Amino acid sequence: MTHGKATAKNFAYSSGKPIAWRSTIARFVHENPVFVIALLISLLLPFFWLLLWKLPQWQVAAVPEMKDRIDLGSKSRQTLAQILGGAALLIGLYFTSQTLRTTQEGQITDRFTKAITQLGNTNLAIRLGGIYALEPTFKGVWPAAANFVLLPLLDTSPGQYPPRHR
């Protein structure tokens, strides 16, 4: 049983409020982006220096020939640089896909909002355009029900409920 133990999660959410330090860190990062970027760079540069320069030296220290040691160290650096480059590429692709998904969702929302606005128009041609604009959205969500939801809208004028079909 864990109800006798106080865990960090239980303590942080016991009052129903979010953890205060998360909002403090988020606010600090938002208010000081240049400092945060400089801090990250100052922390990552020594890490990359150790990874790309010192690690290969430590790996080949036991090789007796200087020429072989230099050659193996160079190959090790090339391999590590390719691994880091590939990781950076994958991270970039991930963030690009997230941006694309967010943009697509925004476009769908914008089209949906405009189509709903067109449905409220008294002109039948504009309402029909709104129905055609909504059709891809309904076919993606309710493929079989698209006609049953959209077609009755043609029979109604704005402000009226769709007629009941029995």
N, C-alpha and C. Protein backbone atom coordinates (compact mmCIF):
# COMPACT_ATOMS: atom_id res chain seq x y z
N MET A 1 0.84 -1.19 0.00
CA MET A 1 0.00 0.00 0.00
C MET A 1 0.88 1.23 0.00
N THR A 2 0.49 2.20 -0.82
CA THR A 2 1.31 3.40 -0.93
C THR A 2 0.67 4.61 -0.28
N HIS A 3 -0.52 4.46 0.30
CA HIS A 3 -1.17 5.65 0.86
C HIS A 3 -0.50 6.11 2.13
N GLY A 4 0.38 5.32 2.72
CA GLY A 4 1.12 5.73 3.90
C GLY A 4 2.38 6.50 3.55
N LYS A 5 2.88 6.33 2.32
CA LYS A 5 4.11 6.98 1.90
C LYS A 5 3.78 8.28 1.17
N ALA A 6 4.61 9.27 1.39
CA ALA A 6 4.44 10.54 0.69
C ALA A 6 5.38 10.55 -0.50
N THR A 7 4.82 10.48 -1.68
CA THR A 7 5.64 10.54 -2.88
C THR A 7 5.59 11.96 -3.43
N ALA A 8 6.53 12.27 -4.32
CA ALA A 8 6.57 13.62 -4.91
C ALA A 8 5.32 13.89 -5.72
N LYS A 9 4.83 12.87 -6.42
CA LYS A 9 3.64 13.06 -7.24
C LYS A 9 2.42 13.32 -6.35
N ASN A 10 2.27 12.52 -5.30
CA ASN A 10 1.14 12.72 -4.39
C ASN A 10 1.21 14.08 -3.72
N PHE A 11 2.41 14.49 -3.31
CA PHE A 11 2.57 15.77 -2.64
C PHE A 11 2.26 16.92 -3.58
N ALA A 12 2.73 16.83 -4.83
CA ALA A 12 2.55 17.93 -5.78
C ALA A 12 1.10 18.08 -6.19
N TYR A 13 0.37 16.99 -6.31
CA TYR A 13 -1.00 17.07 -6.79
C TYR A 13 -2.05 16.89 -5.69
N SER A 14 -1.62 16.84 -4.44
CA SER A 14 -2.57 16.61 -3.37
C SER A 14 -3.57 17.75 -3.23
N SER A 15 -3.13 18.97 -3.54
CA SER A 15 -4.05 20.09 -3.41
C SER A 15 -4.80 20.37 -4.70
N GLY A 16 -4.51 19.62 -5.77
CA GLY A 16 -5.18 19.83 -7.04
C GLY A 16 -4.56 20.95 -7.86
N LYS A 17 -3.47 21.55 -7.38
CA LYS A 17 -2.81 22.62 -8.10
C LYS A 17 -1.59 22.07 -8.82
N PRO A 18 -1.22 22.66 -9.97
CA PRO A 18 -0.03 22.18 -10.67
C PRO A 18 1.23 22.51 -9.87
N ILE A 19 2.30 21.84 -10.20
CA ILE A 19 3.56 22.07 -9.51
C ILE A 19 4.05 23.47 -9.84
N ALA A 20 4.41 24.24 -8.81
CA ALA A 20 4.78 25.64 -8.98
C ALA A 20 6.09 25.80 -9.74
N TRP A 21 7.05 24.91 -9.53
CA TRP A 21 8.34 25.09 -10.18
C TRP A 21 8.26 24.91 -11.67
N ARG A 22 7.31 24.11 -12.17
CA ARG A 22 7.16 23.95 -13.62
C ARG A 22 6.78 25.27 -14.27
N SER A 23 5.83 25.96 -13.68
CA SER A 23 5.41 27.24 -14.25
C SER A 23 6.50 28.28 -14.11
N THR A 24 7.28 28.22 -13.03
CA THR A 24 8.38 29.17 -12.84
C THR A 24 9.45 28.96 -13.90
N ILE A 25 9.81 27.71 -14.16
CA ILE A 25 10.82 27.41 -15.19
C ILE A 25 10.30 27.81 -16.56
N ALA A 26 9.05 27.48 -16.86
CA ALA A 26 8.48 27.84 -18.17
C ALA A 26 8.46 29.35 -18.35
N ARG A 27 8.11 30.09 -17.32
CA ARG A 27 8.09 31.55 -17.42
C ARG A 27 9.50 32.09 -17.61
N PHE A 28 10.49 31.53 -16.88
CA PHE A 28 11.87 31.98 -17.01
C PHE A 28 12.38 31.73 -18.43
N VAL A 29 12.11 30.55 -18.98
CA VAL A 29 12.54 30.22 -20.34
C VAL A 29 11.88 31.15 -21.35
N HIS A 30 10.61 31.43 -21.15
CA HIS A 30 9.88 32.31 -22.07
C HIS A 30 10.39 33.75 -22.00
N GLU A 31 10.74 34.21 -20.81
CA GLU A 31 11.16 35.60 -20.64
C GLU A 31 12.64 35.81 -20.97
N ASN A 32 13.47 34.77 -20.93
CA ASN A 32 14.92 34.89 -21.15
C ASN A 32 15.42 33.90 -22.19
N PRO A 33 14.94 33.95 -23.42
CA PRO A 33 15.36 32.93 -24.40
C PRO A 33 16.84 33.02 -24.77
N VAL A 34 17.40 34.22 -24.82
CA VAL A 34 18.82 34.36 -25.18
C VAL A 34 19.70 33.72 -24.11
N PHE A 35 19.38 33.96 -22.85
CA PHE A 35 20.15 33.37 -21.75
C PHE A 35 20.05 31.85 -21.79
N VAL A 36 18.87 31.33 -22.03
CA VAL A 36 18.67 29.87 -22.05
C VAL A 36 19.46 29.25 -23.20
N ILE A 37 19.44 29.88 -24.37
CA ILE A 37 20.20 29.36 -25.51
C ILE A 37 21.70 29.41 -25.21
N ALA A 38 22.17 30.52 -24.64
CA ALA A 38 23.59 30.62 -24.28
C ALA A 38 23.97 29.57 -23.25
N LEU A 39 23.11 29.31 -22.28
CA LEU A 39 23.37 28.29 -21.27
C LEU A 39 23.45 26.91 -21.91
N LEU A 40 22.52 26.59 -22.79
CA LEU A 40 22.53 25.29 -23.46
C LEU A 40 23.79 25.12 -24.29
N ILE A 41 24.19 26.16 -25.01
CA ILE A 41 25.40 26.07 -25.82
C ILE A 41 26.62 25.88 -24.93
N SER A 42 26.68 26.62 -23.83
CA SER A 42 27.83 26.49 -22.93
C SER A 42 27.89 25.12 -22.26
N LEU A 43 26.77 24.45 -22.13
CA LEU A 43 26.77 23.10 -21.58
C LEU A 43 27.04 22.04 -22.64
N LEU A 44 26.57 22.27 -23.85
CA LEU A 44 26.73 21.28 -24.91
C LEU A 44 28.13 21.29 -25.54
N LEU A 45 28.77 22.45 -25.62
CA LEU A 45 30.10 22.51 -26.23
C LEU A 45 31.12 21.63 -25.52
N PRO A 46 31.22 21.70 -24.19
CA PRO A 46 32.16 20.78 -23.52
C PRO A 46 31.78 19.31 -23.70
N PHE A 47 30.50 19.02 -23.75
CA PHE A 47 30.05 17.65 -23.97
C PHE A 47 30.50 17.14 -25.34
N PHE A 48 30.28 17.95 -26.37
CA PHE A 48 30.70 17.55 -27.71
C PHE A 48 32.22 17.48 -27.82
N TRP A 49 32.93 18.37 -27.14
CA TRP A 49 34.39 18.32 -27.14
C TRP A 49 34.86 17.01 -26.53
N LEU A 50 34.27 16.63 -25.40
CA LEU A 50 34.64 15.36 -24.77
C LEU A 50 34.29 14.19 -25.68
N LEU A 51 33.12 14.26 -26.28
CA LEU A 51 32.65 13.14 -27.09
C LEU A 51 33.46 13.00 -28.37
N LEU A 52 33.77 14.10 -29.05
CA LEU A 52 34.43 14.01 -30.35
C LEU A 52 35.95 14.10 -30.28
N TRP A 53 36.50 14.59 -29.21
CA TRP A 53 37.95 14.72 -29.15
C TRP A 53 38.58 13.77 -28.13
N LYS A 54 38.10 13.82 -26.92
CA LYS A 54 38.74 13.03 -25.86
C LYS A 54 38.36 11.55 -25.90
N LEU A 55 37.09 11.24 -26.18
CA LEU A 55 36.67 9.84 -26.20
C LEU A 55 37.47 9.03 -27.22
N PRO A 56 37.66 9.49 -28.46
CA PRO A 56 38.50 8.72 -29.38
C PRO A 56 39.95 8.57 -28.90
N GLN A 57 40.46 9.59 -28.24
CA GLN A 57 41.82 9.48 -27.71
C GLN A 57 41.90 8.40 -26.64
N TRP A 58 40.91 8.35 -25.78
CA TRP A 58 40.88 7.33 -24.73
C TRP A 58 40.71 5.93 -25.32
N GLN A 59 39.91 5.84 -26.40
CA GLN A 59 39.66 4.54 -27.01
C GLN A 59 40.92 3.96 -27.65
N VAL A 60 41.75 4.79 -28.25
CA VAL A 60 42.91 4.29 -28.99
C VAL A 60 44.22 4.43 -28.20
N ALA A 61 44.16 4.73 -26.95
CA ALA A 61 45.37 4.94 -26.14
C ALA A 61 46.23 3.69 -26.06
N ALA A 62 45.64 2.51 -26.18
CA ALA A 62 46.40 1.26 -26.05
C ALA A 62 47.10 0.85 -27.34
N VAL A 63 46.82 1.54 -28.46
CA VAL A 63 47.45 1.18 -29.73
C VAL A 63 48.89 1.70 -29.71
N PRO A 64 49.88 0.83 -29.96
CA PRO A 64 51.27 1.25 -29.82
C PRO A 64 51.77 2.18 -30.93
N GLU A 65 51.36 1.97 -32.15
CA GLU A 65 51.83 2.78 -33.29
C GLU A 65 51.12 4.12 -33.32
N MET A 66 51.86 5.22 -33.41
CA MET A 66 51.30 6.56 -33.44
C MET A 66 50.42 6.76 -34.69
N LYS A 67 50.92 6.27 -35.85
CA LYS A 67 50.16 6.43 -37.10
C LYS A 67 48.81 5.69 -37.00
N ASP A 68 48.81 4.49 -36.50
CA ASP A 68 47.57 3.72 -36.34
C ASP A 68 46.64 4.39 -35.33
N ARG A 69 47.23 4.92 -34.27
CA ARG A 69 46.45 5.60 -33.24
C ARG A 69 45.74 6.83 -33.83
N ILE A 70 46.45 7.62 -34.62
CA ILE A 70 45.85 8.81 -35.25
C ILE A 70 44.78 8.40 -36.23
N ASP A 71 45.05 7.36 -37.03
CA ASP A 71 44.07 6.90 -38.02
C ASP A 71 42.80 6.38 -37.35
N LEU A 72 42.95 5.56 -36.32
CA LEU A 72 41.78 5.03 -35.61
C LEU A 72 41.02 6.13 -34.88
N GLY A 73 41.73 7.09 -34.31
CA GLY A 73 41.05 8.22 -33.65
C GLY A 73 40.24 9.04 -34.64
N SER A 74 40.82 9.25 -35.84
CA SER A 74 40.10 10.00 -36.88
C SER A 74 38.84 9.26 -37.33
N LYS A 75 38.97 7.97 -37.53
CA LYS A 75 37.80 7.17 -37.94
C LYS A 75 36.74 7.16 -36.84
N SER A 76 37.18 7.10 -35.61
CA SER A 76 36.23 7.12 -34.49
C SER A 76 35.49 8.47 -34.45
N ARG A 77 36.22 9.57 -34.65
CA ARG A 77 35.58 10.89 -34.68
C ARG A 77 34.58 10.99 -35.82
N GLN A 78 34.94 10.46 -36.99
CA GLN A 78 34.02 10.50 -38.13
C GLN A 78 32.74 9.73 -37.81
N THR A 79 32.90 8.57 -37.21
CA THR A 79 31.72 7.76 -36.86
C THR A 79 30.84 8.49 -35.85
N LEU A 80 31.44 9.05 -34.83
CA LEU A 80 30.66 9.77 -33.81
C LEU A 80 29.98 11.00 -34.41
N ALA A 81 30.69 11.71 -35.29
CA ALA A 81 30.08 12.89 -35.93
C ALA A 81 28.90 12.48 -36.80
N GLN A 82 29.00 11.36 -37.49
CA GLN A 82 27.88 10.88 -38.31
C GLN A 82 26.69 10.49 -37.43
N ILE A 83 26.98 9.86 -36.31
CA ILE A 83 25.90 9.49 -35.39
C ILE A 83 25.20 10.73 -34.86
N LEU A 84 25.98 11.73 -34.44
CA LEU A 84 25.38 12.97 -33.93
C LEU A 84 24.62 13.71 -35.02
N GLY A 85 25.17 13.72 -36.23
CA GLY A 85 24.46 14.36 -37.34
C GLY A 85 23.15 13.66 -37.66
N GLY A 86 23.17 12.34 -37.63
CA GLY A 86 21.94 11.59 -37.87
C GLY A 86 20.90 11.84 -36.79
N ALA A 87 21.37 11.92 -35.53
CA ALA A 87 20.44 12.21 -34.44
C ALA A 87 19.85 13.61 -34.60
N ALA A 88 20.69 14.58 -34.97
CA ALA A 88 20.18 15.94 -35.19
C ALA A 88 19.18 15.96 -36.34
N LEU A 89 19.44 15.20 -37.38
CA LEU A 89 18.52 15.13 -38.51
C LEU A 89 17.18 14.53 -38.08
N LEU A 90 17.22 13.45 -37.30
CA LEU A 90 15.97 12.84 -36.84
C LEU A 90 15.18 13.77 -35.93
N ILE A 91 15.87 14.49 -35.06
CA ILE A 91 15.19 15.45 -34.19
C ILE A 91 14.55 16.55 -35.04
N GLY A 92 15.29 17.04 -36.04
CA GLY A 92 14.74 18.05 -36.94
C GLY A 92 13.52 17.55 -37.69
N LEU A 93 13.56 16.30 -38.16
CA LEU A 93 12.40 15.73 -38.85
C LEU A 93 11.20 15.60 -37.92
N TYR A 94 11.44 15.22 -36.67
CA TYR A 94 10.35 15.12 -35.71
C TYR A 94 9.67 16.47 -35.51
N PHE A 95 10.47 17.52 -35.26
CA PHE A 95 9.87 18.84 -35.04
C PHE A 95 9.20 19.37 -36.30
N THR A 96 9.75 19.05 -37.47
CA THR A 96 9.10 19.45 -38.72
C THR A 96 7.75 18.76 -38.88
N SER A 97 7.68 17.48 -38.53
CA SER A 97 6.40 16.78 -38.64
C SER A 97 5.37 17.33 -37.65
N GLN A 98 5.84 17.71 -36.45
CA GLN A 98 4.92 18.31 -35.48
C GLN A 98 4.40 19.66 -35.98
N THR A 99 5.27 20.44 -36.58
CA THR A 99 4.86 21.74 -37.13
C THR A 99 3.87 21.53 -38.27
N LEU A 100 4.14 20.56 -39.13
CA LEU A 100 3.23 20.27 -40.24
C LEU A 100 1.87 19.84 -39.73
N ARG A 101 1.85 18.97 -38.73
CA ARG A 101 0.58 18.50 -38.16
C ARG A 101 -0.22 19.66 -37.55
N THR A 102 0.46 20.53 -36.83
CA THR A 102 -0.19 21.68 -36.22
C THR A 102 -0.76 22.61 -37.29
N THR A 103 0.01 22.83 -38.34
CA THR A 103 -0.45 23.68 -39.45
C THR A 103 -1.67 23.07 -40.12
N GLN A 104 -1.64 21.78 -40.37
CA GLN A 104 -2.78 21.12 -41.01
C GLN A 104 -4.02 21.19 -40.14
N GLU A 105 -3.87 20.99 -38.83
CA GLU A 105 -5.03 21.09 -37.93
C GLU A 105 -5.59 22.50 -37.93
N GLY A 106 -4.72 23.50 -37.98
CA GLY A 106 -5.18 24.88 -38.05
C GLY A 106 -5.93 25.17 -39.34
N GLN A 107 -5.45 24.63 -40.45
CA GLN A 107 -6.14 24.83 -41.72
C GLN A 107 -7.50 24.15 -41.73
N ILE A 108 -7.56 22.95 -41.16
CA ILE A 108 -8.85 22.25 -41.09
C ILE A 108 -9.83 23.03 -40.23
N THR A 109 -9.37 23.54 -39.11
CA THR A 109 -10.23 24.34 -38.24
C THR A 109 -10.70 25.60 -38.94
N ASP A 110 -9.81 26.25 -39.67
CA ASP A 110 -10.18 27.46 -40.40
C ASP A 110 -11.22 27.16 -41.48
N ARG A 111 -11.00 26.09 -42.24
CA ARG A 111 -11.98 25.71 -43.28
C ARG A 111 -13.33 25.36 -42.66
N PHE A 112 -13.30 24.64 -41.55
CA PHE A 112 -14.54 24.26 -40.88
C PHE A 112 -15.30 25.50 -40.42
N THR A 113 -14.59 26.45 -39.83
CA THR A 113 -15.23 27.68 -39.35
C THR A 113 -15.85 28.46 -40.50
N LYS A 114 -15.12 28.58 -41.60
CA LYS A 114 -15.66 29.30 -42.76
C LYS A 114 -16.87 28.58 -43.35
N ALA A 115 -16.82 27.25 -43.39
CA ALA A 115 -17.95 26.49 -43.93
C ALA A 115 -19.18 26.64 -43.04
N ILE A 116 -19.02 26.64 -41.74
CA ILE A 116 -20.14 26.82 -40.82
C ILE A 116 -20.74 28.21 -41.01
N THR A 117 -19.88 29.20 -41.21
CA THR A 117 -20.38 30.56 -41.47
C THR A 117 -21.19 30.59 -42.76
N GLN A 118 -20.75 29.88 -43.77
CA GLN A 118 -21.49 29.85 -45.04
C GLN A 118 -22.83 29.16 -44.88
N LEU A 119 -22.94 28.20 -43.98
CA LEU A 119 -24.22 27.51 -43.78
C LEU A 119 -25.29 28.45 -43.24
N GLY A 120 -24.89 29.52 -42.57
CA GLY A 120 -25.84 30.46 -42.01
C GLY A 120 -26.32 31.50 -43.01
N ASN A 121 -25.82 31.49 -44.22
CA ASN A 121 -26.20 32.47 -45.23
C ASN A 121 -27.57 32.13 -45.82
N THR A 122 -28.31 33.15 -46.23
CA THR A 122 -29.64 32.92 -46.81
C THR A 122 -29.57 32.51 -48.27
N ASN A 123 -28.49 32.79 -48.95
CA ASN A 123 -28.32 32.43 -50.35
C ASN A 123 -28.04 30.93 -50.45
N LEU A 124 -28.85 30.23 -51.24
CA LEU A 124 -28.73 28.78 -51.37
C LEU A 124 -27.39 28.37 -51.96
N ALA A 125 -26.87 29.13 -52.91
CA ALA A 125 -25.58 28.78 -53.52
C ALA A 125 -24.44 28.85 -52.50
N ILE A 126 -24.48 29.85 -51.64
CA ILE A 126 -23.43 29.97 -50.62
C ILE A 126 -23.56 28.86 -49.59
N ARG A 127 -24.81 28.53 -49.22
CA ARG A 127 -25.02 27.41 -48.29
C ARG A 127 -24.54 26.10 -48.90
N LEU A 128 -24.79 25.92 -50.19
CA LEU A 128 -24.34 24.71 -50.88
C LEU A 128 -22.80 24.66 -50.88
N GLY A 129 -22.16 25.81 -51.07
CA GLY A 129 -20.70 25.86 -50.98
C GLY A 129 -20.21 25.47 -49.59
N GLY A 130 -20.93 25.88 -48.56
CA GLY A 130 -20.58 25.49 -47.20
C GLY A 130 -20.72 24.00 -46.99
N ILE A 131 -21.74 23.40 -47.58
CA ILE A 131 -21.93 21.95 -47.46
C ILE A 131 -20.81 21.22 -48.17
N TYR A 132 -20.46 21.69 -49.37
CA TYR A 132 -19.35 21.05 -50.09
C TYR A 132 -18.02 21.24 -49.35
N ALA A 133 -17.87 22.35 -48.67
CA ALA A 133 -16.66 22.57 -47.89
C ALA A 133 -16.60 21.65 -46.66
N LEU A 134 -17.77 21.32 -46.10
CA LEU A 134 -17.81 20.43 -44.94
C LEU A 134 -17.70 18.95 -45.31
N GLU A 135 -17.98 18.63 -46.56
CA GLU A 135 -18.02 17.23 -46.97
C GLU A 135 -16.73 16.47 -46.67
N PRO A 136 -15.54 17.00 -47.00
CA PRO A 136 -14.33 16.23 -46.66
C PRO A 136 -14.16 15.99 -45.16
N THR A 137 -14.57 16.95 -44.35
CA THR A 137 -14.46 16.80 -42.91
C THR A 137 -15.36 15.67 -42.42
N PHE A 138 -16.61 15.66 -42.89
CA PHE A 138 -17.54 14.61 -42.45
C PHE A 138 -17.16 13.26 -43.02
N LYS A 139 -16.65 13.21 -44.24
CA LYS A 139 -16.27 11.92 -44.81
C LYS A 139 -15.10 11.32 -44.06
N GLY A 140 -14.22 12.17 -43.50
CA GLY A 140 -13.12 11.65 -42.71
C GLY A 140 -13.58 11.13 -41.37
N VAL A 141 -14.60 11.75 -40.79
CA VAL A 141 -15.06 11.37 -39.47
C VAL A 141 -16.19 10.35 -39.54
N TRP A 142 -17.22 10.68 -40.33
CA TRP A 142 -18.40 9.82 -40.46
C TRP A 142 -18.64 9.52 -41.94
N PRO A 143 -17.94 8.61 -42.55
CA PRO A 143 -18.10 8.39 -43.99
C PRO A 143 -19.53 8.04 -44.39
N ALA A 144 -20.20 7.20 -43.61
CA ALA A 144 -21.54 6.78 -43.99
C ALA A 144 -22.59 7.83 -43.68
N ALA A 145 -22.33 8.68 -42.70
CA ALA A 145 -23.35 9.62 -42.25
C ALA A 145 -23.23 10.99 -42.91
N ALA A 146 -22.25 11.19 -43.79
CA ALA A 146 -22.05 12.52 -44.38
C ALA A 146 -23.30 13.01 -45.10
N ASN A 147 -23.92 12.17 -45.89
CA ASN A 147 -25.12 12.59 -46.64
C ASN A 147 -26.30 12.85 -45.71
N PHE A 148 -26.44 12.07 -44.66
CA PHE A 148 -27.57 12.25 -43.75
C PHE A 148 -27.44 13.53 -42.92
N VAL A 149 -26.21 13.97 -42.69
CA VAL A 149 -25.99 15.17 -41.89
C VAL A 149 -26.03 16.41 -42.77
N LEU A 150 -25.43 16.35 -43.95
CA LEU A 150 -25.27 17.55 -44.77
C LEU A 150 -26.47 17.84 -45.67
N LEU A 151 -27.07 16.84 -46.24
CA LEU A 151 -28.15 17.10 -47.20
C LEU A 151 -29.39 17.75 -46.59
N PRO A 152 -29.81 17.42 -45.37
CA PRO A 152 -30.96 18.12 -44.80
C PRO A 152 -30.73 19.62 -44.61
N LEU A 153 -29.49 20.04 -44.57
CA LEU A 153 -29.21 21.46 -44.42
C LEU A 153 -29.67 22.27 -45.63
N LEU A 154 -29.80 21.62 -46.77
CA LEU A 154 -30.29 22.32 -47.97
C LEU A 154 -31.77 22.67 -47.84
N ASP A 155 -32.53 21.87 -47.10
CA ASP A 155 -33.97 22.08 -46.98
C ASP A 155 -34.33 23.12 -45.94
N THR A 156 -33.39 23.58 -45.16
CA THR A 156 -33.70 24.51 -44.08
C THR A 156 -33.14 25.89 -44.39
N SER A 157 -33.76 26.86 -43.80
CA SER A 157 -33.22 28.21 -43.91
C SER A 157 -32.48 28.51 -42.61
N PRO A 158 -31.59 29.51 -42.62
CA PRO A 158 -30.83 29.80 -41.41
C PRO A 158 -31.75 30.11 -40.23
N GLY A 159 -31.40 29.58 -39.09
CA GLY A 159 -32.20 29.82 -37.89
C GLY A 159 -33.21 28.72 -37.63
N GLN A 160 -33.43 27.82 -38.59
CA GLN A 160 -34.36 26.71 -38.40
C GLN A 160 -33.57 25.43 -38.16
N TYR A 161 -34.23 24.51 -37.48
CA TYR A 161 -33.62 23.23 -37.28
C TYR A 161 -33.83 22.37 -38.54
N PRO A 162 -32.94 21.44 -38.79
CA PRO A 162 -33.16 20.56 -39.94
C PRO A 162 -34.45 19.76 -39.78
N PRO A 163 -35.15 19.48 -40.88
CA PRO A 163 -36.38 18.69 -40.77
C PRO A 163 -36.08 17.27 -40.32
N ARG A 164 -37.06 16.69 -39.64
CA ARG A 164 -36.89 15.32 -39.17
C ARG A 164 -37.28 14.36 -40.30
N HIS A 165 -36.42 13.36 -40.50
CA HIS A 165 -36.71 12.32 -41.50
C HIS A 165 -37.09 11.06 -40.74
N ARG A 166 -38.18 10.48 -41.14
CA ARG A 166 -38.64 9.26 -40.46
C ARG A 166 -38.58 8.09 -41.37
